[in-house]
Protein backbone atom coordinates (compact mmCIF):
# COMPACT_ATOMS: atom_id res chain seq x y z
CA MET A 1 15.96 9.68 -81.72
CA GLY A 2 17.27 13.22 -81.46
CA TYR A 3 20.45 14.48 -79.92
CA LYS A 4 20.19 15.88 -76.40
CA SER A 5 22.22 18.89 -75.43
CA ASP A 6 24.41 18.64 -72.35
CA HIS A 7 21.94 20.87 -70.49
CA GLU A 8 19.02 18.59 -71.40
CA PHE A 9 21.02 15.52 -70.37
CA ARG A 10 21.94 17.10 -67.01
CA SER A 11 18.34 18.22 -66.48
CA ASP A 12 17.21 14.63 -67.03
CA LEU A 13 19.77 13.40 -64.48
CA TRP A 14 18.57 15.99 -61.96
CA ASP A 15 14.92 15.07 -62.59
CA SER A 16 15.77 11.42 -61.95
CA ALA A 17 17.60 12.22 -58.69
CA THR A 18 14.71 14.36 -57.43
CA ARG A 19 11.79 12.29 -58.76
CA GLY A 20 8.85 12.35 -56.36
CA LEU A 21 9.91 15.45 -54.43
CA PRO A 22 7.72 18.55 -54.18
CA SER A 23 8.97 21.66 -55.97
CA ASN A 24 10.04 23.47 -52.79
CA ILE A 25 12.42 20.64 -51.78
CA LYS A 26 13.70 20.31 -55.37
CA ARG A 27 14.46 24.03 -55.32
CA GLN A 28 16.24 23.71 -51.95
CA ALA A 29 18.35 20.83 -53.30
CA HIS A 30 19.20 22.83 -56.43
CA GLU A 31 20.28 25.81 -54.31
CA HIS A 32 22.42 23.47 -52.17
CA LEU A 33 24.04 22.11 -55.34
CA GLY A 34 24.85 25.61 -56.60
CA LYS A 35 26.16 26.80 -53.24
CA TYR A 36 28.39 23.87 -52.27
CA TYR A 37 29.26 22.29 -55.63
CA LYS A 38 29.51 25.30 -57.92
CA GLU A 39 32.68 24.19 -59.71
CA GLU A 40 31.95 20.49 -60.10
CA LYS A 41 28.16 20.46 -60.58
CA ASN A 42 28.34 20.45 -64.39
CA ASP A 43 30.57 17.36 -64.38
CA MET A 44 28.62 15.30 -61.84
CA ASN A 45 27.11 11.97 -62.79
CA TYR A 46 23.78 10.61 -61.57
CA ASP A 47 25.18 9.01 -58.40
CA GLN A 48 26.96 12.21 -57.42
CA LEU A 49 23.81 14.29 -57.97
CA LEU A 50 21.78 11.81 -55.95
CA SER A 51 24.32 12.10 -53.11
CA VAL A 52 23.83 15.88 -53.10
CA VAL A 53 20.05 15.44 -52.92
CA LYS A 54 20.49 12.94 -50.08
CA GLU A 55 22.52 15.56 -48.16
CA VAL A 56 19.50 17.88 -48.27
CA MET A 57 17.08 15.06 -47.50
CA ASN A 58 18.84 14.40 -44.19
CA ASP A 59 16.66 17.28 -42.94
CA TYR A 60 13.52 15.42 -44.05
CA PRO A 61 13.51 12.03 -42.27
CA GLU A 62 9.90 11.44 -43.32
CA TRP A 63 11.12 11.00 -46.94
CA SER A 64 12.78 7.83 -48.23
CA TRP A 65 14.51 6.82 -51.46
CA ASN A 66 13.45 3.49 -52.97
CA GLY A 67 16.09 3.38 -55.71
CA GLN A 68 13.85 5.07 -58.28
CA ARG A 69 12.01 7.88 -56.53
CA TRP A 70 11.45 9.70 -53.26
CA TYR A 71 8.33 8.91 -51.23
CA GLN A 72 6.78 9.77 -47.88
């Protein structure tokens, strides 16, 4: 098993927190993260990243989180 860089590890966390979402909503969530959490985003754990995604998803009530992925 190879070593993952910090960027790869964080990308995997982000992919897990946005699993199931279409690319346009993933992009919107990523922009929200960069705009409102610029300083702390690189130190966030999975639960914190998921909370950021949930902030964006408040605008999409037709989407739900089942603990593993987003679905409509």
